[in-house]
Amino acid sequence: MNVVWTLVYIMIQGNDVYAVNAYGPGHTFPDMFECFRAREILSQDVGGQGGYFPNGMQAVCVAQEKTTL
């Protein structure tokens, strides 16, 4: 199985929950380690530090089978 990783950014605003691909539609990482590095950078970009996100925000690396079109 050929696996790629997507960094999913989750935000809660009031009663609404939003989840998006943090690097844009269709973007994937070739391995878990690159995804985790990007997650660390994202945490800092949104005002967190050391991989910790501010309240109401989180990001997760999700594995998926690579598809070819």
Protein backbone atom coordinates (compact mmCIF):
# COMPACT_ATOMS: atom_id res chain seq x y z
CA MET A 1 0.00 0.00 0.00
CA ASN A 2 1.34 3.41 -0.97
CA VAL A 3 0.51 5.91 1.82
CA VAL A 4 0.59 9.71 1.81
CA TRP A 5 -0.23 12.11 4.64
CA THR A 6 -2.58 15.11 4.81
CA LEU A 7 -2.29 17.82 7.46
CA VAL A 8 -5.85 18.63 8.54
CA TYR A 9 -6.26 21.97 10.34
CA ILE A 10 -9.27 22.17 12.68
CA MET A 11 -10.73 25.43 14.01
CA ILE A 12 -13.69 26.02 16.32
CA GLN A 13 -15.45 29.39 16.19
CA GLY A 14 -18.45 29.66 18.47
CA ASN A 15 -20.56 26.58 17.75
CA ASP A 16 -19.05 25.99 14.31
CA VAL A 17 -16.24 23.56 13.50
CA TYR A 18 -14.11 23.97 10.38
CA ALA A 19 -11.56 21.49 9.01
CA VAL A 20 -9.38 22.12 5.96
CA ASN A 21 -6.24 20.80 4.32
CA ALA A 22 -3.70 23.13 5.92
CA TYR A 23 -1.59 23.37 2.75
CA GLY A 24 -4.42 23.65 0.24
CA PRO A 25 -6.64 21.26 -1.69
CA GLY A 26 -4.95 18.01 -2.69
CA HIS A 27 -1.64 18.70 -0.93
CA THR A 28 -0.08 15.64 0.70
CA PHE A 29 3.20 14.73 2.36
CA PRO A 30 5.16 11.64 1.32
CA ASP A 31 5.79 10.50 4.90
CA MET A 32 4.59 11.04 8.46
CA PHE A 33 7.75 12.87 9.54
CA GLU A 34 7.34 15.63 6.94
CA CYS A 35 3.70 16.03 7.93
CA PHE A 36 4.67 16.32 11.61
CA ARG A 37 7.31 18.95 10.77
CA ALA A 38 4.68 20.95 8.88
CA ARG A 39 2.31 20.60 11.86
CA GLU A 40 4.99 22.06 14.14
CA ILE A 41 5.45 25.06 11.82
CA LEU A 42 1.69 25.56 11.53
CA SER A 43 1.34 25.62 15.33
CA GLN A 44 3.79 28.53 15.45
CA ASP A 45 2.17 30.32 12.48
CA VAL A 46 -1.21 30.42 14.26
CA GLY A 47 0.20 31.68 17.57
CA GLY A 48 1.09 28.49 19.41
CA GLN A 49 4.50 27.12 20.25
CA GLY A 50 6.35 23.84 20.41
CA GLY A 51 3.65 21.89 18.59
CA TYR A 52 0.91 23.18 20.89
CA PHE A 53 -1.98 25.07 19.34
CA PRO A 54 -4.01 27.93 20.83
CA ASN A 55 -7.40 27.05 22.28
CA GLY A 56 -9.97 26.29 19.59
CA MET A 57 -7.36 25.09 17.10
CA GLN A 58 -5.64 21.79 16.37
CA ALA A 59 -4.04 19.94 13.47
CA VAL A 60 -3.68 16.24 12.79
CA CYS A 61 -1.73 14.23 10.25
CA VAL A 62 -4.01 11.71 8.56
CA ALA A 63 -2.73 8.78 6.51
CA GLN A 64 -4.50 7.82 3.30
CA GLU A 65 -3.85 5.50 0.42
CA LYS A 66 -2.29 7.32 -2.53
CA THR A 67 -4.51 7.47 -5.56
CA THR A 68 -3.42 8.05 -9.12
CA LEU A 69 -5.58 9.71 -11.72
